[in-house]
Amino acid sequence: MTEELVIEILKEVFYTTFLILLPVLGVALVVGIAISIFQAATSIQEMTLTFVPKILVTTVVVIFMFPWILDKMIAITHKLFSMFPTVIR
């Protein structure tokens, strides 16, 4: 197994991980900013107001995106398993 192959595998895995997490973290960021603006405008400083909506929205996004996430994970797994003969040499 060469150094270039290891770098290529890691690059592909990190890119897939980034691609999977981007929609979930993006939605959580937007909801967090919206709640922060709402809290600043109304002077409500309740801590559960920040966590509960973000958790709920993140859960909904994960459930909605689960088929796509699973497809990406299966694709990278198939690619890694198909590389076994190359890696073993």
Protein backbone atom coordinates (compact mmCIF):
# COMPACT_ATOMS: atom_id res chain seq x y z
CA MET A 1 0.00 0.00 0.00
CA THR A 2 1.53 3.26 -1.10
CA GLU A 3 1.39 6.64 0.53
CA GLU A 4 -0.58 8.07 -2.41
CA LEU A 5 -3.24 5.39 -2.02
CA VAL A 6 -3.64 6.14 1.69
CA ILE A 7 -3.96 9.86 0.96
CA GLU A 8 -6.53 9.18 -1.76
CA ILE A 9 -8.61 6.94 0.54
CA LEU A 10 -8.51 9.46 3.38
CA LYS A 11 -9.37 12.31 1.04
CA GLU A 12 -12.40 10.42 -0.28
CA VAL A 13 -13.58 9.47 3.22
CA PHE A 14 -13.20 13.01 4.59
CA TYR A 15 -14.97 14.49 1.55
CA THR A 16 -17.88 12.06 1.95
CA THR A 17 -18.11 12.81 5.67
CA PHE A 18 -18.11 16.54 4.96
CA LEU A 19 -20.77 16.10 2.28
CA ILE A 20 -23.00 14.10 4.64
CA LEU A 21 -22.66 16.51 7.57
CA LEU A 22 -22.99 19.75 5.60
CA PRO A 23 -26.82 19.84 5.29
CA VAL A 24 -27.38 18.86 8.93
CA LEU A 25 -24.90 21.36 10.34
CA GLY A 26 -26.07 24.07 7.92
CA VAL A 27 -29.67 23.78 9.05
CA ALA A 28 -28.63 23.74 12.71
CA LEU A 29 -26.57 26.90 12.11
CA VAL A 30 -29.44 28.74 10.43
CA VAL A 31 -31.89 27.75 13.18
CA GLY A 32 -29.38 28.78 15.86
CA ILE A 33 -28.87 32.20 14.28
CA ALA A 34 -32.63 32.73 13.90
CA ILE A 35 -33.21 31.82 17.55
CA SER A 36 -30.37 34.09 18.66
CA ILE A 37 -31.87 37.00 16.75
CA PHE A 38 -35.27 36.24 18.29
CA GLN A 39 -33.74 36.13 21.77
CA ALA A 40 -31.90 39.40 21.24
CA ALA A 41 -35.05 41.11 19.96
CA THR A 42 -37.28 39.89 22.80
CA SER A 43 -34.70 39.81 25.63
CA ILE A 44 -35.66 36.23 26.44
CA GLN A 45 -32.60 34.40 27.75
CA GLU A 46 -34.03 30.92 28.25
CA MET A 47 -31.35 28.27 27.57
CA THR A 48 -33.82 25.58 26.50
CA LEU A 49 -35.08 27.92 23.78
CA THR A 50 -31.76 27.47 21.97
CA PHE A 51 -31.36 23.71 22.36
CA VAL A 52 -34.81 22.23 21.82
CA PRO A 53 -35.58 23.76 18.39
CA LYS A 54 -32.09 22.92 17.10
CA ILE A 55 -32.39 19.32 18.26
CA LEU A 56 -35.86 18.96 16.74
CA VAL A 57 -34.91 20.52 13.40
CA THR A 58 -31.67 18.52 13.24
CA THR A 59 -33.59 15.31 13.91
CA VAL A 60 -36.10 16.13 11.17
CA VAL A 61 -33.30 16.89 8.70
CA VAL A 62 -31.49 13.64 9.53
CA ILE A 63 -34.72 11.65 9.10
CA PHE A 64 -35.51 13.44 5.83
CA MET A 65 -31.96 13.07 4.47
CA PHE A 66 -31.44 9.49 5.72
CA PRO A 67 -31.93 7.77 2.32
CA TRP A 68 -29.39 10.09 0.71
CA ILE A 69 -26.96 9.72 3.63
CA LEU A 70 -27.30 5.94 3.51
CA ASP A 71 -26.70 5.96 -0.25
CA LYS A 72 -23.48 7.98 0.18
CA MET A 73 -22.26 5.71 2.98
CA ILE A 74 -22.99 2.55 0.99
CA ALA A 75 -21.20 4.00 -2.04
CA ILE A 76 -18.03 4.80 -0.08
CA THR A 77 -18.15 1.39 1.61
CA HIS A 78 -18.43 -0.39 -1.76
CA LYS A 79 -15.54 1.68 -3.07
CA LEU A 80 -13.36 0.80 -0.08
CA PHE A 81 -14.20 -2.90 -0.28
CA SER A 82 -13.49 -2.94 -4.02
CA MET A 83 -10.03 -1.50 -3.27
CA PHE A 84 -9.06 -4.42 -1.00
CA PRO A 85 -7.19 -6.32 -3.74
CA THR A 86 -5.18 -3.20 -4.51
CA VAL A 87 -4.44 -2.51 -0.85
CA ILE A 88 -3.39 -6.08 -0.05
CA ARG A 89 -0.74 -6.17 -2.78
